[in-house]
Amino acid sequence: MSVAVGGDERRRRWQEVGRRVLSRSKTMSGPNFTLTSKRDLEFMAELYDHYFFAGQCLKLARHHGMQFRWSKRMTSAGGKTVRMTYQDQKTQKQSIRYEIVLSATLLFQTFSDLKRPIRVTGSLCKNRLQAMQRILEHELIHLVEMLVWQDSCCAAPRFQTIANRLFAHTEHTHDLITQRERAAQKFNVRVGSRVAFQHQGATYRGLVNRITRRATVLVSDPGGQLYDDGQRYRKYYVPVSHLRPAIGA
C-alpha cells in the first residue's frame, strides 16, 4: 500500500503537497495561514494518498466510511485517528467508519505570539503548513495500521518503523505550543496559581485547577462540590486572559 522513496524525492513530494494545497485552498492564505477548512485537510490527505500510498489508502478507507475534521476541543494531542464500529439494530450487521481529526487549537496558537523552535515527529517546522503536514502524516500511518491490523499504537515498534521508512519521522510526539505553556509564558498563570477574575459584576478569587481551552478555577463555596482536601468549591471556566494574580491571597 505504501511507496517508500529516498530523501530528495520525499522532500520534493512534501513540497508539492504543500504547494498544491495552498494553491487550491479558498481559505489558506500562506504557510502561516490563519484560516483553513475541512476540505483543505481532506485534499491534503488525498495528495498524500496519491504520492505515498499509490492511491490505495483512502480508497480502502472510503469503502467503509471516511471523514476528516478540525477540532477546537483537542488541547494536548495534535491529531487523532478513530476506528468506529456500528451495529444495525435490525439486521445486526456491523459497519466500520474511520475519522482523522486535527487540533485547530494547537495549530493556531503555535507560530503566533510565542516564539520558539517547533518540532513535530522529530522534524523542525518553520510554519503551520509544515506542522500540519507532519501531524497528518502521523495520522495517516495510524489509519493504515487500522485498515490492515484493526488497531494502532504510535509508541509501538511497528508504527515507528513505518513512520521512519515512509516519512523519515524520528519521534511520535509533537511540541506544539499548548494552552498551559501559553498561559504560563504570556499571562504567568499556571495550575496552582491563585487568581482573581470578574463574573457578573463581582470579583472572585480562587485556585487554578486545570488549563485547557480555558482555565478551570476553584472558588471556595459552602454549597459547592466536596473535594479531596475536605473543602467545597464551585468551578468556573475562565479565559486565561481574564485572570489576574490574586493580591494578598
C-alpha atoms as a PDB file:
ATOM      1  CA  MET A   1       0.000   0.000   0.000  1.00  0.00           C
ATOM      2  CA  SER A   2       2.851   2.436   0.823  1.00  0.00           C
ATOM      3  CA  VAL A   3       5.553   3.716  -1.508  1.00  0.00           C
ATOM      4  CA  ALA A   4       8.867   4.438   0.239  1.00  0.00           C
ATOM      5  CA  VAL A   5      11.108   6.986  -1.515  1.00  0.00           C
ATOM      6  CA  GLY A   6      14.550   8.491  -0.923  1.00  0.00           C
ATOM      7  CA  GLY A   7      15.229  11.730   0.913  1.00  0.00           C
ATOM      8  CA  ASP A   8      15.381  14.109  -2.060  1.00  0.00           C
ATOM      9  CA  GLU A   9      12.265  12.655  -3.674  1.00  0.00           C
ATOM     10  CA  ARG A  10      10.451  12.661  -0.341  1.00  0.00           C
ATOM     11  CA  ARG A  11      11.218  16.355   0.146  1.00  0.00           C
ATOM     12  CA  ARG A  12      10.037  17.110  -3.388  1.00  0.00           C
ATOM     13  CA  ARG A  13       6.740  15.348  -2.715  1.00  0.00           C
ATOM     14  CA  TRP A  14       6.325  17.115   0.641  1.00  0.00           C
ATOM     15  CA  GLN A  15       6.827  20.464  -1.056  1.00  0.00           C
ATOM     16  CA  GLU A  16       4.443  19.556  -3.867  1.00  0.00           C
ATOM     17  CA  VAL A  17       1.737  18.591  -1.366  1.00  0.00           C
ATOM     18  CA  GLY A  18       2.094  21.910   0.437  1.00  0.00           C
ATOM     19  CA  ARG A  19       2.194  23.920  -2.778  1.00  0.00           C
ATOM     20  CA  ARG A  20      -0.903  22.277  -4.222  1.00  0.00           C
ATOM     21  CA  VAL A  21      -2.903  22.628  -1.007  1.00  0.00           C
ATOM     22  CA  LEU A  22      -2.137  26.365  -0.787  1.00  0.00           C
ATOM     23  CA  SER A  23      -2.801  26.974  -4.469  1.00  0.00           C
ATOM     24  CA  ARG A  24      -6.202  25.273  -4.352  1.00  0.00           C
ATOM     25  CA  SER A  25      -7.416  26.415  -0.937  1.00  0.00           C
ATOM     26  CA  LYS A  26     -10.063  29.124  -0.694  1.00  0.00           C
ATOM     27  CA  THR A  27      -9.107  29.870   2.920  1.00  0.00           C
ATOM     28  CA  MET A  28      -5.371  29.282   3.443  1.00  0.00           C
ATOM     29  CA  SER A  29      -3.516  32.479   2.538  1.00  0.00           C
ATOM     30  CA  GLY A  30       0.030  31.183   3.011  1.00  0.00           C
ATOM     31  CA  PRO A  31       2.281  28.814   5.000  1.00  0.00           C
ATOM     32  CA  ASN A  32       1.247  30.537   8.252  1.00  0.00           C
ATOM     33  CA  PHE A  33      -2.434  30.577   7.317  1.00  0.00           C
ATOM     34  CA  THR A  34      -4.932  31.882   9.858  1.00  0.00           C
ATOM     35  CA  LEU A  35      -7.952  30.104   8.341  1.00  0.00           C
ATOM     36  CA  THR A  36      -8.421  26.631   6.927  1.00  0.00           C
ATOM     37  CA  SER A  37     -11.236  24.195   6.261  1.00  0.00           C
ATOM     38  CA  LYS A  38     -12.189  20.554   6.415  1.00  0.00           C
ATOM     39  CA  ARG A  39     -11.813  20.406   2.651  1.00  0.00           C
ATOM     40  CA  ASP A  40      -8.209  21.660   2.867  1.00  0.00           C
ATOM     41  CA  LEU A  41      -7.408  18.846   5.284  1.00  0.00           C
ATOM     42  CA  GLU A  42      -9.144  16.260   3.137  1.00  0.00           C
ATOM     43  CA  PHE A  43      -7.397  17.464  -0.026  1.00  0.00           C
ATOM     44  CA  MET A  44      -4.019  17.275   1.706  1.00  0.00           C
ATOM     45  CA  ALA A  45      -4.812  13.692   2.714  1.00  0.00           C
ATOM     46  CA  GLU A  46      -5.759  12.881  -0.888  1.00  0.00           C
ATOM     47  CA  LEU A  47      -2.422  14.225  -2.106  1.00  0.00           C
ATOM     48  CA  TYR A  48      -0.531  12.150   0.441  1.00  0.00           C
ATOM     49  CA  ASP A  49      -2.550   9.131  -0.617  1.00  0.00           C
ATOM     50  CA  HIS A  50      -1.531   9.782  -4.225  1.00  0.00           C
ATOM     51  CA  TYR A  51       2.165  10.448  -3.585  1.00  0.00           C
ATOM     52  CA  PHE A  52       2.884   7.970  -0.792  1.00  0.00           C
ATOM     53  CA  PHE A  53       0.195   5.263  -0.841  1.00  0.00           C
ATOM     54  CA  ALA A  54      -0.404   4.741  -4.569  1.00  0.00           C
ATOM     55  CA  GLY A  55      -3.989   5.957  -4.137  1.00  0.00           C
ATOM     56  CA  GLN A  56      -4.970   2.846  -2.167  1.00  0.00           C
ATOM     57  CA  CYS A  57      -5.223   4.031   1.453  1.00  0.00           C
ATOM     58  CA  LEU A  58      -8.192   6.389   1.162  1.00  0.00           C
ATOM     59  CA  LYS A  59      -9.827   4.164  -1.443  1.00  0.00           C
ATOM     60  CA  LEU A  60      -9.996   1.355   1.104  1.00  0.00           C
ATOM     61  CA  ALA A  61     -10.995   3.650   3.988  1.00  0.00           C
ATOM     62  CA  ARG A  62     -13.773   5.266   1.945  1.00  0.00           C
ATOM     63  CA  HIS A  63     -15.121   1.847   1.079  1.00  0.00           C
ATOM     64  CA  HIS A  64     -16.118   1.644   4.731  1.00  0.00           C
ATOM     65  CA  GLY A  65     -16.600   5.341   5.509  1.00  0.00           C
ATOM     66  CA  MET A  66     -14.014   8.075   5.977  1.00  0.00           C
ATOM     67  CA  GLN A  67     -14.236  11.636   7.220  1.00  0.00           C
ATOM     68  CA  PHE A  68     -11.909  14.468   8.219  1.00  0.00           C
ATOM     69  CA  ARG A  69     -12.448  17.368  10.572  1.00  0.00           C
ATOM     70  CA  TRP A  70     -10.794  20.010  12.727  1.00  0.00           C
ATOM     71  CA  SER A  71     -11.322  20.153  16.488  1.00  0.00           C
ATOM     72  CA  LYS A  72     -11.196  23.143  18.830  1.00  0.00           C
ATOM     73  CA  ARG A  73     -11.516  20.867  21.860  1.00  0.00           C
ATOM     74  CA  MET A  74      -8.261  18.943  21.442  1.00  0.00           C
ATOM     75  CA  THR A  75      -5.705  20.748  23.626  1.00  0.00           C
ATOM     76  CA  SER A  76      -2.917  18.184  24.028  1.00  0.00           C
ATOM     77  CA  ALA A  77      -2.982  15.794  21.047  1.00  0.00           C
ATOM     78  CA  GLY A  78      -2.078  17.298  17.689  1.00  0.00           C
ATOM     79  CA  GLY A  79      -4.328  14.809  15.937  1.00  0.00           C
ATOM     80  CA  LYS A  80      -6.204  11.559  16.356  1.00  0.00           C
ATOM     81  CA  THR A  81      -7.451   8.756  14.160  1.00  0.00           C
ATOM     82  CA  VAL A  82     -10.526   6.799  15.191  1.00  0.00           C
ATOM     83  CA  ARG A  83     -11.903   3.467  14.018  1.00  0.00           C
ATOM     84  CA  MET A  84     -15.621   3.298  14.851  1.00  0.00           C
ATOM     85  CA  THR A  85     -17.772   0.167  14.679  1.00  0.00           C
ATOM     86  CA  TYR A  86     -21.540   0.445  14.295  1.00  0.00           C
ATOM     87  CA  GLN A  87     -24.151  -2.292  14.503  1.00  0.00           C
ATOM     88  CA  ASP A  88     -27.530  -2.073  12.822  1.00  0.00           C
ATOM     89  CA  GLN A  89     -30.141  -2.862  15.470  1.00  0.00           C
ATOM     90  CA  LYS A  90     -32.464  -4.521  12.948  1.00  0.00           C
ATOM     91  CA  THR A  91     -30.059  -6.565  10.841  1.00  0.00           C
ATOM     92  CA  GLN A  92     -27.235  -6.877  13.410  1.00  0.00           C
ATOM     93  CA  LYS A  93     -24.866  -6.111  10.560  1.00  0.00           C
ATOM     94  CA  GLN A  94     -21.688  -4.311  11.569  1.00  0.00           C
ATOM     95  CA  SER A  95     -20.129  -1.429   9.679  1.00  0.00           C
ATOM     96  CA  ILE A  96     -16.857   0.403  10.202  1.00  0.00           C
ATOM     97  CA  ARG A  97     -16.005   4.061   9.762  1.00  0.00           C
ATOM     98  CA  TYR A  98     -12.775   5.987  10.120  1.00  0.00           C
ATOM     99  CA  GLU A  99     -12.125   9.569  11.108  1.00  0.00           C
ATOM    100  CA  ILE A 100      -8.997  11.742  11.170  1.00  0.00           C
ATOM    101  CA  VAL A 101      -9.144  14.830  13.376  1.00  0.00           C
ATOM    102  CA  LEU A 102      -6.511  17.573  13.728  1.00  0.00           C
ATOM    103  CA  SER A 103      -6.332  20.096  16.556  1.00  0.00           C
ATOM    104  CA  ALA A 104      -7.128  23.608  15.345  1.00  0.00           C
ATOM    105  CA  THR A 105      -6.437  24.945  18.845  1.00  0.00           C
ATOM    106  CA  LEU A 106      -2.849  23.703  18.992  1.00  0.00           C
ATOM    107  CA  LEU A 107      -2.002  24.540  15.400  1.00  0.00           C
ATOM    108  CA  PHE A 108      -3.304  28.112  15.505  1.00  0.00           C
ATOM    109  CA  GLN A 109      -1.754  29.055  18.836  1.00  0.00           C
ATOM    110  CA  THR A 110       1.608  27.826  17.508  1.00  0.00           C
ATOM    111  CA  PHE A 111       3.600  30.180  15.247  1.00  0.00           C
ATOM    112  CA  SER A 112       1.703  33.027  16.878  1.00  0.00           C
ATOM    113  CA  ASP A 113       2.677  35.264  19.813  1.00  0.00           C
ATOM    114  CA  LEU A 114       5.171  32.842  21.434  1.00  0.00           C
ATOM    115  CA  LYS A 115       8.379  32.296  19.519  1.00  0.00           C
ATOM    116  CA  ARG A 116      10.479  29.162  19.887  1.00  0.00           C
ATOM    117  CA  PRO A 117      11.572  26.244  17.682  1.00  0.00           C
ATOM    118  CA  ILE A 118       8.730  23.820  16.935  1.00  0.00           C
ATOM    119  CA  ARG A 119       9.336  20.131  16.336  1.00  0.00           C
ATOM    120  CA  VAL A 120       6.719  17.656  15.147  1.00  0.00           C
ATOM    121  CA  THR A 121       7.559  13.940  14.708  1.00  0.00           C
ATOM    122  CA  GLY A 122      11.218  14.885  15.146  1.00  0.00           C
ATOM    123  CA  SER A 123      11.248  17.460  12.320  1.00  0.00           C
ATOM    124  CA  LEU A 124      11.828  21.169  12.807  1.00  0.00           C
ATOM    125  CA  CYS A 125       8.805  23.012  11.404  1.00  0.00           C
ATOM    126  CA  LYS A 126       9.065  26.592  10.164  1.00  0.00           C
ATOM    127  CA  ASN A 127       5.353  27.282   9.762  1.00  0.00           C
ATOM    128  CA  ARG A 128       1.830  25.932  10.298  1.00  0.00           C
ATOM    129  CA  LEU A 129       1.711  24.244   6.918  1.00  0.00           C
ATOM    130  CA  GLN A 130       4.747  22.096   7.725  1.00  0.00           C
ATOM    131  CA  ALA A 131       3.361  21.253  11.178  1.00  0.00           C
ATOM    132  CA  MET A 132       0.005  20.329   9.647  1.00  0.00           C
ATOM    133  CA  GLN A 133       1.741  18.042   7.160  1.00  0.00           C
ATOM    134  CA  ARG A 134       3.772  16.240   9.830  1.00  0.00           C
ATOM    135  CA  ILE A 135       0.693  15.713  12.010  1.00  0.00           C
ATOM    136  CA  LEU A 136      -1.357  14.405   9.097  1.00  0.00           C
ATOM    137  CA  GLU A 137       1.461  12.040   8.072  1.00  0.00           C
ATOM    138  CA  HIS A 138       1.396  10.626  11.593  1.00  0.00           C
ATOM    139  CA  GLU A 139      -2.378  10.154  11.494  1.00  0.00           C
ATOM    140  CA  LEU A 140      -2.296   8.518   8.070  1.00  0.00           C
ATOM    141  CA  ILE A 141       0.034   5.859   9.449  1.00  0.00           C
ATOM    142  CA  HIS A 142      -2.499   5.230  12.224  1.00  0.00           C
ATOM    143  CA  LEU A 143      -5.128   4.851   9.502  1.00  0.00           C
ATOM    144  CA  VAL A 144      -3.009   2.375   7.548  1.00  0.00           C
ATOM    145  CA  GLU A 145      -2.417   0.266  10.634  1.00  0.00           C
ATOM    146  CA  MET A 146      -6.119   0.279  11.478  1.00  0.00           C
ATOM    147  CA  LEU A 147      -7.026  -0.757   7.948  1.00  0.00           C
ATOM    148  CA  VAL A 148      -4.561  -3.644   7.978  1.00  0.00           C
ATOM    149  CA  TRP A 149      -4.410  -4.721  11.645  1.00  0.00           C
ATOM    150  CA  GLN A 150      -7.544  -3.065  13.156  1.00  0.00           C
ATOM    151  CA  ASP A 151      -5.519  -1.301  15.873  1.00  0.00           C
ATOM    152  CA  SER A 152      -2.625   1.138  16.052  1.00  0.00           C
ATOM    153  CA  CYS A 153      -0.155   2.395  18.662  1.00  0.00           C
ATOM    154  CA  CYS A 154       2.377   5.070  17.773  1.00  0.00           C
ATOM    155  CA  ALA A 155       4.653   4.031  20.665  1.00  0.00           C
ATOM    156  CA  ALA A 156       4.999   0.523  19.211  1.00  0.00           C
ATOM    157  CA  PRO A 157       7.940  -0.567  17.022  1.00  0.00           C
ATOM    158  CA  ARG A 158       5.738  -1.413  14.035  1.00  0.00           C
ATOM    159  CA  PHE A 159       4.307   2.107  13.829  1.00  0.00           C
ATOM    160  CA  GLN A 160       7.669   3.779  14.290  1.00  0.00           C
ATOM    161  CA  THR A 161       9.313   1.602  11.645  1.00  0.00           C
ATOM    162  CA  ILE A 162       6.629   2.509   9.094  1.00  0.00           C
ATOM    163  CA  ALA A 163       6.781   6.207  10.044  1.00  0.00           C
ATOM    164  CA  ASN A 164      10.547   6.342   9.657  1.00  0.00           C
ATOM    165  CA  ARG A 165      10.660   4.387   6.412  1.00  0.00           C
ATOM    166  CA  LEU A 166       7.861   6.321   4.766  1.00  0.00           C
ATOM    167  CA  PHE A 167       8.173   9.858   6.158  1.00  0.00           C
ATOM    168  CA  ALA A 168      11.550   9.867   7.973  1.00  0.00           C
ATOM    169  CA  HIS A 169       9.829  10.510  11.314  1.00  0.00           C
ATOM    170  CA  THR A 170      12.222  10.004  14.217  1.00  0.00           C
ATOM    171  CA  GLU A 171       9.706  10.726  17.005  1.00  0.00           C
ATOM    172  CA  HIS A 172       5.999  10.072  17.545  1.00  0.00           C
ATOM    173  CA  THR A 173       5.288  13.245  19.522  1.00  0.00           C
ATOM    174  CA  HIS A 174       4.967  16.998  18.954  1.00  0.00           C
ATOM    175  CA  ASP A 175       5.950  20.094  20.905  1.00  0.00           C
ATOM    176  CA  LEU A 176       3.302  22.450  19.580  1.00  0.00           C
ATOM    177  CA  ILE A 177       2.529  25.270  21.980  1.00  0.00           C
ATOM    178  CA  THR A 178      -0.106  24.110  24.438  1.00  0.00           C
ATOM    179  CA  GLN A 179      -2.547  26.310  26.301  1.00  0.00           C
ATOM    180  CA  ARG A 180      -0.650  25.567  29.517  1.00  0.00           C
ATOM    181  CA  GLU A 181       2.591  26.853  28.039  1.00  0.00           C
ATOM    182  CA  ARG A 182       0.930  29.918  26.584  1.00  0.00           C
ATOM    183  CA  ALA A 183      -0.834  30.669  29.890  1.00  0.00           C
ATOM    184  CA  ALA A 184       2.446  30.433  31.786  1.00  0.00           C
ATOM    185  CA  GLN A 185       4.575  32.414  29.350  1.00  0.00           C
ATOM    186  CA  LYS A 186       2.148  35.154  28.393  1.00  0.00           C
ATOM    187  CA  PHE A 187      -0.082  35.531  31.473  1.00  0.00           C
ATOM    188  CA  ASN A 188       2.015  33.964  34.279  1.00  0.00           C
ATOM    189  CA  VAL A 189      -0.880  31.612  35.060  1.00  0.00           C
ATOM    190  CA  ARG A 190      -0.192  28.004  35.991  1.00  0.00           C
ATOM    191  CA  VAL A 191      -2.021  25.118  37.606  1.00  0.00           C
ATOM    192  CA  GLY A 192      -1.941  26.004  41.300  1.00  0.00           C
ATOM    193  CA  SER A 193      -1.887  29.776  40.739  1.00  0.00           C
ATOM    194  CA  ARG A 194      -4.158  31.865  42.951  1.00  0.00           C
ATOM    195  CA  VAL A 195      -6.079  34.211  40.706  1.00  0.00           C
ATOM    196  CA  ALA A 196      -8.901  36.736  40.644  1.00  0.00           C
ATOM    197  CA  PHE A 197     -11.491  37.329  37.924  1.00  0.00           C
ATOM    198  CA  GLN A 198     -14.730  39.173  37.262  1.00  0.00           C
ATOM    199  CA  HIS A 199     -18.027  37.333  36.838  1.00  0.00           C
ATOM    200  CA  GLN A 200     -21.404  39.038  36.501  1.00  0.00           C
ATOM    201  CA  GLY A 201     -20.076  42.226  38.052  1.00  0.00           C
ATOM    202  CA  ALA A 202     -18.483  40.559  41.082  1.00  0.00           C
ATOM    203  CA  THR A 203     -14.838  39.713  41.824  1.00  0.00           C
ATOM    204  CA  TYR A 204     -13.999  36.096  42.634  1.00  0.00           C
ATOM    205  CA  ARG A 205     -10.750  34.592  43.892  1.00  0.00           C
ATOM    206  CA  GLY A 206      -9.729  31.008  43.526  1.00  0.00           C
ATOM    207  CA  LEU A 207      -7.182  28.389  42.571  1.00  0.00           C
ATOM    208  CA  VAL A 208      -6.380  27.306  39.012  1.00  0.00           C
ATOM    209  CA  ASN A 209      -7.114  23.577  38.884  1.00  0.00           C
ATOM    210  CA  ARG A 210      -6.762  22.892  35.157  1.00  0.00           C
ATOM    211  CA  ILE A 211      -5.854  24.664  31.931  1.00  0.00           C
ATOM    212  CA  THR A 212      -7.302  23.548  28.599  1.00  0.00           C
ATOM    213  CA  ARG A 213      -9.048  25.968  26.223  1.00  0.00           C
ATOM    214  CA  ARG A 214      -9.965  27.893  29.365  1.00  0.00           C
ATOM    215  CA  ALA A 215      -8.752  27.778  32.950  1.00  0.00           C
ATOM    216  CA  THR A 216     -10.800  25.842  35.488  1.00  0.00           C
ATOM    217  CA  VAL A 217     -10.794  27.925  38.677  1.00  0.00           C
ATOM    218  CA  LEU A 218     -11.981  26.528  42.003  1.00  0.00           C
ATOM    219  CA  VAL A 219     -13.642  29.119  44.228  1.00  0.00           C
ATOM    220  CA  SER A 220     -14.468  28.294  47.864  1.00  0.00           C
ATOM    221  CA  ASP A 221     -18.219  27.939  48.260  1.00  0.00           C
ATOM    222  CA  PRO A 222     -20.114  26.164  51.093  1.00  0.00           C
ATOM    223  CA  GLY A 223     -22.655  24.989  48.513  1.00  0.00           C
ATOM    224  CA  GLY A 224     -20.066  23.699  46.083  1.00  0.00           C
ATOM    225  CA  GLN A 225     -18.689  20.247  45.332  1.00  0.00           C
ATOM    226  CA  LEU A 226     -16.665  18.452  48.019  1.00  0.00           C
ATOM    227  CA  TYR A 227     -13.007  17.850  47.044  1.00  0.00           C
ATOM    228  CA  ASP A 228     -10.282  15.605  48.432  1.00  0.00           C
ATOM    229  CA  ASP A 229      -8.898  18.381  50.647  1.00  0.00           C
ATOM    230  CA  GLY A 230     -12.175  18.441  52.573  1.00  0.00           C
ATOM    231  CA  GLN A 231     -13.198  21.825  51.163  1.00  0.00           C
ATOM    232  CA  ARG A 232     -16.136  22.700  48.945  1.00  0.00           C
ATOM    233  CA  TYR A 233     -15.578  24.600  45.718  1.00  0.00           C
ATOM    234  CA  ARG A 234     -17.587  25.894  42.816  1.00  0.00           C
ATOM    235  CA  LYS A 235     -15.961  25.575  39.393  1.00  0.00           C
ATOM    236  CA  TYR A 236     -15.659  28.477  36.965  1.00  0.00           C
ATOM    237  CA  TYR A 237     -14.365  28.215  33.408  1.00  0.00           C
ATOM    238  CA  VAL A 238     -12.491  31.420  32.660  1.00  0.00           C
ATOM    239  CA  PRO A 239     -10.458  32.540  29.607  1.00  0.00           C
ATOM    240  CA  VAL A 240      -6.827  32.749  30.736  1.00  0.00           C
ATOM    241  CA  SER A 241      -6.587  36.334  29.501  1.00  0.00           C
ATOM    242  CA  HIS A 242      -9.319  37.313  32.007  1.00  0.00           C
ATOM    243  CA  LEU A 243      -7.320  36.158  35.039  1.00  0.00           C
ATOM    244  CA  ARG A 244      -5.009  38.247  37.216  1.00  0.00           C
ATOM    245  CA  PRO A 245      -2.931  37.401  40.309  1.00  0.00           C
ATOM    246  CA  ALA A 246      -4.999  37.364  43.489  1.00  0.00           C
ATOM    247  CA  ILE A 247      -3.178  40.003  45.509  1.00  0.00           C
ATOM    248  CA  GLY A 248      -2.856  39.034  49.156  1.00  0.00           C
ATOM    249  CA  ALA A 249      -4.429  35.617  48.599  1.00  0.00           C
END
